[in-house]
Amino acid sequence: MTRWSVVAIAYSLLAAVSAWLSEYWQNRSVFAFNDPWLKLDSLSAHCFSATLGLCVGVMSVFGTKLLVRRFEFAARLHADLRPLALSLSSPMVAVLAASSAIGEEFAFRGLLLPWIGQVPQALLFGLLHQTSGSSRWVWMAWATLGGLVLGAMYQLSGSLVGPIVAHAVINGLTLQFLKQYDPCSGKRPLGGLLGQRS
């Protein structure tokens, strides 16, 4: 069993434990926020949430690509995270994107947000996104912001479907981008002067 298979199984267990704790300890489903900002019937809430999640996920990935290509701090973070994705096959990217989205959304938004609140769950989400390298604080700040946005989506619609969709789209497309794009490949010593031929 590969390391990433173990990670996917761990995320699945996190989802199951979070759903069980929410159901039997909080007497509520992780899928539904009890007092949403928008008062929609269940089907409308899930459809609206899924559409919003898809839009937020695609916009986030598009914004990430722009930042990585234009700003040094984002390119450094990309370079620090890239080794994690290089060994992943496309099917494993899909499995990890889905399992991490479901596991983390069940735990942070579905279970913790109604219990400890929007900001604390986002801060905890950010703190648990640790990485080695010089970009540790950038990654934690980005994950905290993501936790706030995903939490707001949950509170707005009352459905966890949208945050799961957004999270899966972000993770899947970002892992593929990490594999395919090397921000260091275009850099040459002294702006390319040493690499020029006479």
N, C-alpha and C. Protein backbone atom coordinates (compact mmCIF):
# COMPACT_ATOMS: atom_id res chain seq x y z
N MET A 1 0.84 -1.19 0.00
CA MET A 1 0.00 0.00 0.00
C MET A 1 0.89 1.25 0.00
N THR A 2 0.59 2.17 -0.90
CA THR A 2 1.41 3.38 -1.01
C THR A 2 1.06 4.38 0.08
N ARG A 3 1.97 5.34 0.26
CA ARG A 3 1.76 6.40 1.24
C ARG A 3 0.46 7.16 0.97
N TRP A 4 0.20 7.44 -0.32
CA TRP A 4 -0.99 8.23 -0.66
C TRP A 4 -2.27 7.44 -0.47
N SER A 5 -2.20 6.12 -0.63
CA SER A 5 -3.37 5.28 -0.35
C SER A 5 -3.72 5.35 1.13
N VAL A 6 -2.69 5.33 1.98
CA VAL A 6 -2.91 5.44 3.43
C VAL A 6 -3.53 6.80 3.76
N VAL A 7 -3.05 7.87 3.11
CA VAL A 7 -3.59 9.21 3.34
C VAL A 7 -5.07 9.25 2.95
N ALA A 8 -5.41 8.67 1.80
CA ALA A 8 -6.81 8.65 1.35
C ALA A 8 -7.69 7.89 2.33
N ILE A 9 -7.20 6.77 2.85
CA ILE A 9 -7.95 5.99 3.84
C ILE A 9 -8.12 6.79 5.12
N ALA A 10 -7.07 7.51 5.55
CA ALA A 10 -7.15 8.33 6.76
C ALA A 10 -8.20 9.42 6.60
N TYR A 11 -8.26 10.04 5.42
CA TYR A 11 -9.29 11.06 5.18
C TYR A 11 -10.69 10.46 5.23
N SER A 12 -10.84 9.26 4.70
CA SER A 12 -12.14 8.58 4.74
C SER A 12 -12.56 8.29 6.18
N LEU A 13 -11.59 7.87 7.00
CA LEU A 13 -11.89 7.62 8.41
C LEU A 13 -12.24 8.92 9.13
N LEU A 14 -11.53 10.01 8.80
CA LEU A 14 -11.85 11.32 9.38
C LEU A 14 -13.28 11.72 9.06
N ALA A 15 -13.70 11.49 7.82
CA ALA A 15 -15.08 11.80 7.42
C ALA A 15 -16.08 10.98 8.22
N ALA A 16 -15.81 9.69 8.36
CA ALA A 16 -16.74 8.81 9.08
C ALA A 16 -16.84 9.19 10.55
N VAL A 17 -15.71 9.46 11.19
CA VAL A 17 -15.72 9.85 12.61
C VAL A 17 -16.43 11.19 12.80
N SER A 18 -16.18 12.14 11.91
CA SER A 18 -16.81 13.46 12.00
C SER A 18 -18.32 13.35 11.84
N ALA A 19 -18.76 12.55 10.87
CA ALA A 19 -20.20 12.36 10.66
C ALA A 19 -20.84 11.70 11.88
N TRP A 20 -20.16 10.71 12.44
CA TRP A 20 -20.70 10.02 13.61
C TRP A 20 -20.79 10.95 14.81
N LEU A 21 -19.71 11.72 15.07
CA LEU A 21 -19.72 12.65 16.20
C LEU A 21 -20.81 13.71 16.04
N SER A 22 -20.98 14.22 14.83
CA SER A 22 -22.01 15.22 14.60
C SER A 22 -23.40 14.65 14.83
N GLU A 23 -23.62 13.43 14.36
CA GLU A 23 -24.94 12.80 14.47
C GLU A 23 -25.28 12.43 15.91
N TYR A 24 -24.32 11.83 16.63
CA TYR A 24 -24.64 11.29 17.95
C TYR A 24 -24.25 12.19 19.10
N TRP A 25 -23.38 13.16 18.85
CA TRP A 25 -22.97 14.07 19.92
C TRP A 25 -23.68 15.41 19.79
N GLN A 26 -23.81 15.90 18.55
CA GLN A 26 -24.47 17.19 18.32
C GLN A 26 -25.92 17.04 17.84
N ASN A 27 -26.35 15.80 17.59
CA ASN A 27 -27.71 15.52 17.10
C ASN A 27 -28.04 16.28 15.81
N ARG A 28 -27.09 16.30 14.87
CA ARG A 28 -27.31 16.98 13.60
C ARG A 28 -26.46 16.33 12.53
N SER A 29 -26.88 16.51 11.29
CA SER A 29 -26.13 15.99 10.15
C SER A 29 -25.04 16.99 9.77
N VAL A 30 -23.88 16.49 9.36
CA VAL A 30 -22.82 17.39 8.92
C VAL A 30 -23.21 18.12 7.63
N PHE A 31 -24.16 17.57 6.87
CA PHE A 31 -24.52 18.15 5.58
C PHE A 31 -25.32 19.43 5.69
N ALA A 32 -25.98 19.66 6.82
CA ALA A 32 -26.89 20.81 6.90
C ALA A 32 -26.53 21.72 8.07
N PHE A 33 -26.37 23.01 7.76
CA PHE A 33 -26.18 24.03 8.79
C PHE A 33 -27.55 24.45 9.28
N ASN A 34 -27.77 24.43 10.59
CA ASN A 34 -29.11 24.61 11.14
C ASN A 34 -29.72 25.99 10.93
N ASP A 35 -28.91 27.03 10.88
CA ASP A 35 -29.45 28.38 10.76
C ASP A 35 -28.75 29.13 9.62
N PRO A 36 -29.01 28.72 8.36
CA PRO A 36 -28.31 29.35 7.24
C PRO A 36 -28.75 30.79 7.01
N TRP A 37 -27.88 31.55 6.36
CA TRP A 37 -28.19 32.94 6.05
C TRP A 37 -29.32 33.03 5.02
N LEU A 38 -29.33 32.11 4.04
CA LEU A 38 -30.42 32.05 3.07
C LEU A 38 -31.38 30.95 3.49
N LYS A 39 -32.65 31.25 3.46
CA LYS A 39 -33.66 30.26 3.83
C LYS A 39 -34.18 29.59 2.56
N LEU A 40 -33.59 28.46 2.22
CA LEU A 40 -33.95 27.71 1.02
C LEU A 40 -34.42 26.32 1.42
N ASP A 41 -35.28 25.73 0.57
CA ASP A 41 -35.64 24.34 0.84
C ASP A 41 -34.42 23.47 0.57
N SER A 42 -34.46 22.24 1.03
CA SER A 42 -33.28 21.38 1.02
C SER A 42 -32.68 21.19 -0.37
N LEU A 43 -33.51 20.87 -1.37
CA LEU A 43 -33.01 20.64 -2.73
C LEU A 43 -32.40 21.92 -3.30
N SER A 44 -33.08 23.04 -3.12
CA SER A 44 -32.56 24.33 -3.63
C SER A 44 -31.25 24.68 -2.95
N ALA A 45 -31.15 24.42 -1.66
CA ALA A 45 -29.93 24.72 -0.91
C ALA A 45 -28.76 23.91 -1.46
N HIS A 46 -28.97 22.62 -1.69
CA HIS A 46 -27.89 21.76 -2.20
C HIS A 46 -27.49 22.16 -3.63
N CYS A 47 -28.47 22.47 -4.48
CA CYS A 47 -28.17 22.88 -5.86
C CYS A 47 -27.43 24.21 -5.89
N PHE A 48 -27.92 25.18 -5.12
CA PHE A 48 -27.26 26.49 -5.05
C PHE A 48 -25.84 26.33 -4.51
N SER A 49 -25.69 25.54 -3.46
CA SER A 49 -24.39 25.32 -2.84
C SER A 49 -23.41 24.66 -3.80
N ALA A 50 -23.88 23.64 -4.55
CA ALA A 50 -23.01 22.95 -5.51
C ALA A 50 -22.55 23.89 -6.61
N THR A 51 -23.47 24.72 -7.12
CA THR A 51 -23.12 25.67 -8.18
C THR A 51 -22.11 26.70 -7.66
N LEU A 52 -22.37 27.22 -6.47
CA LEU A 52 -21.46 28.18 -5.85
C LEU A 52 -20.10 27.54 -5.62
N GLY A 53 -20.09 26.30 -5.16
CA GLY A 53 -18.83 25.59 -4.91
C GLY A 53 -18.01 25.41 -6.16
N LEU A 54 -18.68 25.06 -7.26
CA LEU A 54 -17.97 24.89 -8.53
C LEU A 54 -17.35 26.22 -8.98
N CYS A 55 -18.13 27.30 -8.87
CA CYS A 55 -17.63 28.63 -9.26
C CYS A 55 -16.45 29.06 -8.39
N VAL A 56 -16.58 28.90 -7.09
CA VAL A 56 -15.51 29.29 -6.17
C VAL A 56 -14.26 28.45 -6.42
N GLY A 57 -14.43 27.15 -6.65
CA GLY A 57 -13.30 26.28 -6.90
C GLY A 57 -12.54 26.67 -8.16
N VAL A 58 -13.26 26.89 -9.25
CA VAL A 58 -12.61 27.26 -10.52
C VAL A 58 -11.94 28.63 -10.41
N MET A 59 -12.62 29.60 -9.79
CA MET A 59 -12.03 30.93 -9.64
C MET A 59 -10.79 30.89 -8.76
N SER A 60 -10.81 30.07 -7.72
CA SER A 60 -9.65 29.95 -6.83
C SER A 60 -8.45 29.38 -7.57
N VAL A 61 -8.67 28.35 -8.37
CA VAL A 61 -7.57 27.73 -9.12
C VAL A 61 -7.03 28.72 -10.17
N PHE A 62 -7.92 29.42 -10.85
CA PHE A 62 -7.50 30.42 -11.83
C PHE A 62 -6.67 31.51 -11.15
N GLY A 63 -7.14 31.98 -9.99
CA GLY A 63 -6.39 33.00 -9.24
C GLY A 63 -5.04 32.50 -8.76
N THR A 64 -4.99 31.25 -8.33
CA THR A 64 -3.73 30.66 -7.89
C THR A 64 -2.71 30.62 -9.03
N LYS A 65 -3.16 30.21 -10.21
CA LYS A 65 -2.25 30.15 -11.36
C LYS A 65 -1.70 31.54 -11.70
N LEU A 66 -2.56 32.54 -11.65
CA LEU A 66 -2.10 33.91 -11.91
C LEU A 66 -1.06 34.35 -10.88
N LEU A 67 -1.34 34.08 -9.61
CA LEU A 67 -0.41 34.48 -8.54
C LEU A 67 0.94 33.79 -8.70
N VAL A 68 0.92 32.48 -8.99
CA VAL A 68 2.17 31.72 -9.12
C VAL A 68 3.02 32.25 -10.27
N ARG A 69 2.37 32.65 -11.34
CA ARG A 69 3.12 33.13 -12.52
C ARG A 69 3.58 34.58 -12.39
N ARG A 70 3.00 35.34 -11.44
CA ARG A 70 3.33 36.76 -11.36
C ARG A 70 4.06 37.20 -10.10
N PHE A 71 3.93 36.42 -9.01
CA PHE A 71 4.49 36.87 -7.73
C PHE A 71 5.45 35.84 -7.15
N GLU A 72 6.56 36.33 -6.65
CA GLU A 72 7.61 35.47 -6.11
C GLU A 72 7.14 34.64 -4.92
N PHE A 73 6.35 35.23 -4.01
CA PHE A 73 5.92 34.48 -2.82
C PHE A 73 5.05 33.29 -3.22
N ALA A 74 4.21 33.45 -4.24
CA ALA A 74 3.35 32.36 -4.70
C ALA A 74 4.16 31.31 -5.45
N ALA A 75 5.14 31.75 -6.25
CA ALA A 75 6.00 30.81 -6.96
C ALA A 75 6.83 29.99 -5.98
N ARG A 76 7.29 30.62 -4.90
CA ARG A 76 8.06 29.91 -3.87
C ARG A 76 7.20 28.85 -3.18
N LEU A 77 5.95 29.21 -2.86
CA LEU A 77 5.04 28.25 -2.25
C LEU A 77 4.79 27.08 -3.20
N HIS A 78 4.58 27.38 -4.46
CA HIS A 78 4.36 26.34 -5.47
C HIS A 78 5.56 25.40 -5.52
N ALA A 79 6.76 25.97 -5.53
CA ALA A 79 7.98 25.15 -5.58
C ALA A 79 8.13 24.29 -4.33
N ASP A 80 7.75 24.82 -3.17
CA ASP A 80 7.83 24.05 -1.92
C ASP A 80 6.84 22.88 -1.90
N LEU A 81 5.66 23.09 -2.49
CA LEU A 81 4.62 22.05 -2.47
C LEU A 81 4.77 21.05 -3.62
N ARG A 82 5.46 21.44 -4.67
CA ARG A 82 5.53 20.64 -5.89
C ARG A 82 6.04 19.21 -5.66
N PRO A 83 7.07 18.99 -4.84
CA PRO A 83 7.55 17.60 -4.65
C PRO A 83 6.48 16.65 -4.14
N LEU A 84 5.49 17.16 -3.41
CA LEU A 84 4.42 16.30 -2.90
C LEU A 84 3.57 15.72 -4.02
N ALA A 85 3.45 16.47 -5.12
CA ALA A 85 2.54 16.06 -6.20
C ALA A 85 3.21 15.29 -7.33
N LEU A 86 4.52 15.37 -7.46
CA LEU A 86 5.20 14.82 -8.63
C LEU A 86 5.01 13.32 -8.80
N SER A 87 4.91 12.60 -7.69
CA SER A 87 4.80 11.14 -7.79
C SER A 87 3.36 10.65 -7.96
N LEU A 88 2.39 11.56 -7.98
CA LEU A 88 0.99 11.16 -8.04
C LEU A 88 0.54 10.89 -9.47
N SER A 89 -0.15 9.77 -9.66
CA SER A 89 -0.79 9.51 -10.94
C SER A 89 -2.11 10.29 -10.99
N SER A 90 -2.67 10.43 -12.17
CA SER A 90 -3.94 11.16 -12.30
C SER A 90 -5.08 10.50 -11.51
N PRO A 91 -5.21 9.15 -11.53
CA PRO A 91 -6.25 8.54 -10.69
C PRO A 91 -6.04 8.82 -9.19
N MET A 92 -4.77 8.81 -8.74
CA MET A 92 -4.52 9.08 -7.33
C MET A 92 -4.82 10.54 -7.00
N VAL A 93 -4.56 11.46 -7.93
CA VAL A 93 -4.94 12.86 -7.72
C VAL A 93 -6.44 12.96 -7.49
N ALA A 94 -7.22 12.26 -8.31
CA ALA A 94 -8.68 12.28 -8.17
C ALA A 94 -9.12 11.71 -6.83
N VAL A 95 -8.52 10.60 -6.43
CA VAL A 95 -8.87 9.96 -5.15
C VAL A 95 -8.52 10.88 -3.98
N LEU A 96 -7.32 11.46 -4.02
CA LEU A 96 -6.91 12.36 -2.94
C LEU A 96 -7.75 13.63 -2.89
N ALA A 97 -8.07 14.18 -4.06
CA ALA A 97 -8.89 15.39 -4.10
C ALA A 97 -10.26 15.13 -3.48
N ALA A 98 -10.87 14.00 -3.83
CA ALA A 98 -12.19 13.68 -3.29
C ALA A 98 -12.14 13.33 -1.81
N SER A 99 -11.20 12.47 -1.42
CA SER A 99 -11.16 12.02 -0.02
C SER A 99 -10.76 13.16 0.92
N SER A 100 -9.81 14.00 0.51
CA SER A 100 -9.42 15.12 1.38
C SER A 100 -10.53 16.14 1.48
N ALA A 101 -11.24 16.39 0.37
CA ALA A 101 -12.35 17.35 0.41
C ALA A 101 -13.45 16.87 1.35
N ILE A 102 -13.83 15.62 1.22
CA ILE A 102 -14.90 15.08 2.06
C ILE A 102 -14.45 15.02 3.52
N GLY A 103 -13.26 14.48 3.77
CA GLY A 103 -12.77 14.36 5.15
C GLY A 103 -12.62 15.70 5.84
N GLU A 104 -11.98 16.66 5.19
CA GLU A 104 -11.75 17.96 5.82
C GLU A 104 -13.03 18.78 5.94
N GLU A 105 -13.92 18.69 4.95
CA GLU A 105 -15.17 19.45 5.06
C GLU A 105 -16.09 18.87 6.13
N PHE A 106 -16.16 17.55 6.23
CA PHE A 106 -16.95 16.94 7.31
C PHE A 106 -16.41 17.40 8.67
N ALA A 107 -15.07 17.39 8.81
CA ALA A 107 -14.47 17.70 10.11
C ALA A 107 -14.53 19.19 10.44
N PHE A 108 -14.04 20.04 9.53
CA PHE A 108 -13.89 21.46 9.85
C PHE A 108 -15.18 22.25 9.71
N ARG A 109 -15.86 22.11 8.58
CA ARG A 109 -17.09 22.86 8.40
C ARG A 109 -18.28 22.14 9.02
N GLY A 110 -18.45 20.85 8.71
CA GLY A 110 -19.62 20.12 9.20
C GLY A 110 -19.67 19.91 10.69
N LEU A 111 -18.52 19.55 11.30
CA LEU A 111 -18.48 19.26 12.74
C LEU A 111 -18.05 20.46 13.57
N LEU A 112 -16.90 21.06 13.22
CA LEU A 112 -16.32 22.09 14.09
C LEU A 112 -16.97 23.47 13.97
N LEU A 113 -17.35 23.87 12.76
CA LEU A 113 -17.90 25.22 12.61
C LEU A 113 -19.13 25.46 13.50
N PRO A 114 -20.13 24.58 13.50
CA PRO A 114 -21.28 24.83 14.38
C PRO A 114 -20.93 24.76 15.88
N TRP A 115 -19.84 24.08 16.20
CA TRP A 115 -19.46 23.89 17.60
C TRP A 115 -18.58 25.01 18.11
N ILE A 116 -17.50 25.37 17.37
CA ILE A 116 -16.55 26.37 17.88
C ILE A 116 -16.60 27.70 17.14
N GLY A 117 -17.31 27.74 16.00
CA GLY A 117 -17.47 29.00 15.29
C GLY A 117 -16.64 29.10 14.02
N GLN A 118 -16.97 30.10 13.22
CA GLN A 118 -16.37 30.30 11.90
C GLN A 118 -14.87 30.58 11.96
N VAL A 119 -14.48 31.58 12.73
CA VAL A 119 -13.06 31.98 12.76
C VAL A 119 -12.18 30.91 13.42
N PRO A 120 -12.56 30.35 14.58
CA PRO A 120 -11.70 29.31 15.17
C PRO A 120 -11.49 28.10 14.27
N GLN A 121 -12.55 27.66 13.57
CA GLN A 121 -12.36 26.48 12.69
C GLN A 121 -11.42 26.82 11.54
N ALA A 122 -11.51 28.05 11.03
CA ALA A 122 -10.62 28.45 9.93
C ALA A 122 -9.17 28.56 10.40
N LEU A 123 -8.96 29.10 11.59
CA LEU A 123 -7.60 29.20 12.14
C LEU A 123 -7.01 27.81 12.37
N LEU A 124 -7.82 26.90 12.90
CA LEU A 124 -7.35 25.53 13.11
C LEU A 124 -7.05 24.85 11.77
N PHE A 125 -7.89 25.07 10.78
CA PHE A 125 -7.67 24.54 9.44
C PHE A 125 -6.34 25.05 8.89
N GLY A 126 -6.07 26.34 9.07
CA GLY A 126 -4.81 26.91 8.61
C GLY A 126 -3.61 26.35 9.35
N LEU A 127 -3.73 26.22 10.67
CA LEU A 127 -2.61 25.70 11.47
C LEU A 127 -2.25 24.27 11.10
N LEU A 128 -3.23 23.49 10.72
CA LEU A 128 -2.97 22.09 10.38
C LEU A 128 -2.42 21.92 8.96
N HIS A 129 -2.39 23.00 8.19
CA HIS A 129 -1.78 22.94 6.86
C HIS A 129 -0.33 23.42 6.96
N GLN A 130 0.49 22.53 7.46
CA GLN A 130 1.91 22.83 7.63
C GLN A 130 2.69 22.29 6.44
N THR A 131 3.76 22.97 6.11
CA THR A 131 4.67 22.48 5.08
C THR A 131 6.08 22.89 5.44
N SER A 132 7.03 22.17 4.92
CA SER A 132 8.42 22.58 5.14
C SER A 132 8.76 23.66 4.13
N GLY A 133 9.86 24.32 4.35
CA GLY A 133 10.30 25.34 3.41
C GLY A 133 9.99 26.74 3.87
N SER A 134 10.39 27.69 3.05
CA SER A 134 10.29 29.10 3.41
C SER A 134 8.87 29.64 3.32
N SER A 135 7.97 28.87 2.74
CA SER A 135 6.60 29.37 2.50
C SER A 135 5.58 28.89 3.52
N ARG A 136 6.05 28.40 4.65
CA ARG A 136 5.13 27.85 5.65
C ARG A 136 4.01 28.81 6.02
N TRP A 137 4.36 30.07 6.31
CA TRP A 137 3.35 31.02 6.78
C TRP A 137 2.41 31.44 5.66
N VAL A 138 2.91 31.50 4.43
CA VAL A 138 2.04 31.82 3.29
C VAL A 138 0.99 30.72 3.11
N TRP A 139 1.43 29.47 3.20
CA TRP A 139 0.51 28.34 3.04
C TRP A 139 -0.52 28.32 4.16
N MET A 140 -0.09 28.59 5.40
CA MET A 140 -1.04 28.62 6.51
C MET A 140 -2.05 29.75 6.34
N ALA A 141 -1.59 30.92 5.90
CA ALA A 141 -2.49 32.05 5.69
C ALA A 141 -3.49 31.75 4.57
N TRP A 142 -3.00 31.13 3.48
CA TRP A 142 -3.87 30.77 2.37
C TRP A 142 -4.92 29.75 2.80
N ALA A 143 -4.51 28.76 3.59
CA ALA A 143 -5.45 27.74 4.07
C ALA A 143 -6.47 28.35 5.03
N THR A 144 -6.03 29.29 5.87
CA THR A 144 -6.96 29.96 6.79
C THR A 144 -8.00 30.74 6.01
N LEU A 145 -7.57 31.48 5.00
CA LEU A 145 -8.51 32.21 4.14
C LEU A 145 -9.47 31.24 3.46
N GLY A 146 -8.94 30.12 2.98
CA GLY A 146 -9.80 29.11 2.37
C GLY A 146 -10.83 28.58 3.36
N GLY A 147 -10.41 28.35 4.61
CA GLY A 147 -11.34 27.89 5.64
C GLY A 147 -12.46 28.89 5.91
N LEU A 148 -12.12 30.18 5.86
CA LEU A 148 -13.13 31.22 6.05
C LEU A 148 -14.14 31.23 4.90
N VAL A 149 -13.62 31.13 3.67
CA VAL A 149 -14.50 31.15 2.49
C VAL A 149 -15.41 29.92 2.47
N LEU A 150 -14.85 28.74 2.71
CA LEU A 150 -15.64 27.52 2.72
C LEU A 150 -16.67 27.53 3.85
N GLY A 151 -16.27 28.06 5.00
CA GLY A 151 -17.21 28.18 6.11
C GLY A 151 -18.34 29.13 5.80
N ALA A 152 -18.03 30.25 5.14
CA ALA A 152 -19.07 31.21 4.76
C ALA A 152 -20.04 30.60 3.75
N MET A 153 -19.52 29.78 2.83
CA MET A 153 -20.40 29.10 1.88
C MET A 153 -21.37 28.17 2.60
N TYR A 154 -20.87 27.46 3.58
CA TYR A 154 -21.71 26.54 4.37
C TYR A 154 -22.79 27.31 5.12
N GLN A 155 -22.40 28.41 5.75
CA GLN A 155 -23.37 29.20 6.49
C GLN A 155 -24.37 29.89 5.57
N LEU A 156 -23.93 30.31 4.40
CA LEU A 156 -24.81 31.00 3.46
C LEU A 156 -25.91 30.07 2.95
N SER A 157 -25.51 28.92 2.45
CA SER A 157 -26.47 28.02 1.80
C SER A 157 -27.13 27.04 2.75
N GLY A 158 -26.44 26.72 3.84
CA GLY A 158 -26.94 25.69 4.75
C GLY A 158 -26.60 24.29 4.29
N SER A 159 -25.82 24.16 3.21
CA SER A 159 -25.47 22.85 2.65
C SER A 159 -23.96 22.69 2.57
N LEU A 160 -23.48 21.50 2.90
CA LEU A 160 -22.05 21.21 2.84
C LEU A 160 -21.62 20.76 1.44
N VAL A 161 -22.57 20.59 0.54
CA VAL A 161 -22.24 20.12 -0.81
C VAL A 161 -21.30 21.09 -1.51
N GLY A 162 -21.58 22.38 -1.45
CA GLY A 162 -20.75 23.38 -2.12
C GLY A 162 -19.31 23.42 -1.62
N PRO A 163 -19.09 23.49 -0.30
CA PRO A 163 -17.72 23.43 0.19
C PRO A 163 -16.98 22.17 -0.22
N ILE A 164 -17.66 21.03 -0.27
CA ILE A 164 -17.02 19.79 -0.71
C ILE A 164 -16.63 19.90 -2.19
N VAL A 165 -17.54 20.40 -3.02
CA VAL A 165 -17.26 20.55 -4.45
C VAL A 165 -16.09 21.51 -4.66
N ALA A 166 -16.14 22.68 -3.99
CA ALA A 166 -15.06 23.67 -4.14
C ALA A 166 -13.73 23.09 -3.71
N HIS A 167 -13.72 22.42 -2.57
CA HIS A 167 -12.49 21.85 -2.02
C HIS A 167 -11.92 20.79 -2.96
N ALA A 168 -12.78 19.93 -3.51
CA ALA A 168 -12.32 18.88 -4.42
C ALA A 168 -11.77 19.47 -5.72
N VAL A 169 -12.45 20.47 -6.26
CA VAL A 169 -11.98 21.12 -7.49
C VAL A 169 -10.63 21.79 -7.25
N ILE A 170 -10.52 22.52 -6.13
CA ILE A 170 -9.26 23.20 -5.80
C ILE A 170 -8.13 22.19 -5.64
N ASN A 171 -8.37 21.15 -4.85
CA ASN A 171 -7.31 20.17 -4.61
C ASN A 171 -6.92 19.43 -5.89
N GLY A 172 -7.91 18.98 -6.66
CA GLY A 172 -7.61 18.22 -7.86
C GLY A 172 -6.87 19.02 -8.91
N LEU A 173 -7.39 20.20 -9.23
CA LEU A 173 -6.75 21.02 -10.27
C LEU A 173 -5.41 21.59 -9.80
N THR A 174 -5.31 21.90 -8.52
CA THR A 174 -4.04 22.42 -8.01
C THR A 174 -2.96 21.34 -8.00
N LEU A 175 -3.32 20.12 -7.63
CA LEU A 175 -2.35 19.03 -7.68
C LEU A 175 -1.86 18.79 -9.11
N GLN A 176 -2.76 18.85 -10.07
CA GLN A 176 -2.35 18.71 -11.47
C GLN A 176 -1.44 19.86 -11.89
N PHE A 177 -1.76 21.07 -11.46
CA PHE A 177 -0.93 22.25 -11.77
C PHE A 177 0.45 22.11 -11.13
N LEU A 178 0.50 21.62 -9.90
CA LEU A 178 1.78 21.40 -9.23
C LEU A 178 2.64 20.41 -10.02
N LYS A 179 2.02 19.37 -10.54
CA LYS A 179 2.76 18.38 -11.32
C LYS A 179 3.27 18.95 -12.63
N GLN A 180 2.46 19.75 -13.29
CA GLN A 180 2.76 20.17 -14.66
C GLN A 180 3.62 21.42 -14.77
N TYR A 181 3.53 22.30 -13.79
CA TYR A 181 4.19 23.61 -13.93
C TYR A 181 5.35 23.74 -12.96
N ASP A 182 6.53 24.00 -13.49
CA ASP A 182 7.73 24.23 -12.68
C ASP A 182 8.08 25.71 -12.76
N PRO A 183 7.85 26.47 -11.66
CA PRO A 183 8.12 27.90 -11.71
C PRO A 183 9.60 28.23 -11.84
N CYS A 184 10.46 27.26 -11.58
CA CYS A 184 11.90 27.50 -11.65
C CYS A 184 12.47 27.23 -13.04
N SER A 185 11.70 26.60 -13.93
CA SER A 185 12.25 26.18 -15.22
C SER A 185 12.62 27.34 -16.12
N GLY A 186 11.92 28.47 -15.99
CA GLY A 186 12.21 29.61 -16.85
C GLY A 186 13.25 30.55 -16.31
N LYS A 187 13.74 30.30 -15.09
CA LYS A 187 14.71 31.21 -14.47
C LYS A 187 16.12 30.83 -14.88
N ARG A 188 16.90 31.82 -15.27
CA ARG A 188 18.29 31.60 -15.64
C ARG A 188 19.18 32.53 -14.85
N PRO A 189 20.41 32.13 -14.56
CA PRO A 189 21.33 33.00 -13.82
C PRO A 189 21.50 34.35 -14.52
N LEU A 190 21.52 35.42 -13.75
CA LEU A 190 21.67 36.78 -14.24
C LEU A 190 20.68 37.10 -15.36
N GLY A 191 19.42 36.66 -15.13
CA GLY A 191 18.38 36.97 -16.09
C GLY A 191 18.56 36.30 -17.43
N GLY A 192 19.34 35.24 -17.50
CA GLY A 192 19.54 34.51 -18.74
C GLY A 192 20.83 34.85 -19.45
N LEU A 193 21.57 35.82 -18.93
CA LEU A 193 22.81 36.23 -19.61
C LEU A 193 23.83 35.10 -19.68
N LEU A 194 23.91 34.30 -18.59
CA LEU A 194 24.88 33.21 -18.57
C LEU A 194 24.45 32.06 -19.47
N GLY A 195 23.19 32.01 -19.79
CA GLY A 195 22.70 30.91 -20.61
C GLY A 195 22.68 31.25 -22.10
N GLN A 196 23.01 32.46 -22.47
CA GLN A 196 22.96 32.85 -23.87
C GLN A 196 24.17 32.32 -24.63
N ARG A 197 23.92 32.02 -25.90
CA ARG A 197 25.01 31.57 -26.76
C ARG A 197 25.51 32.77 -27.55
N SER A 198 26.80 32.77 -27.81
CA SER A 198 27.39 33.87 -28.60
C SER A 198 27.30 33.58 -30.09
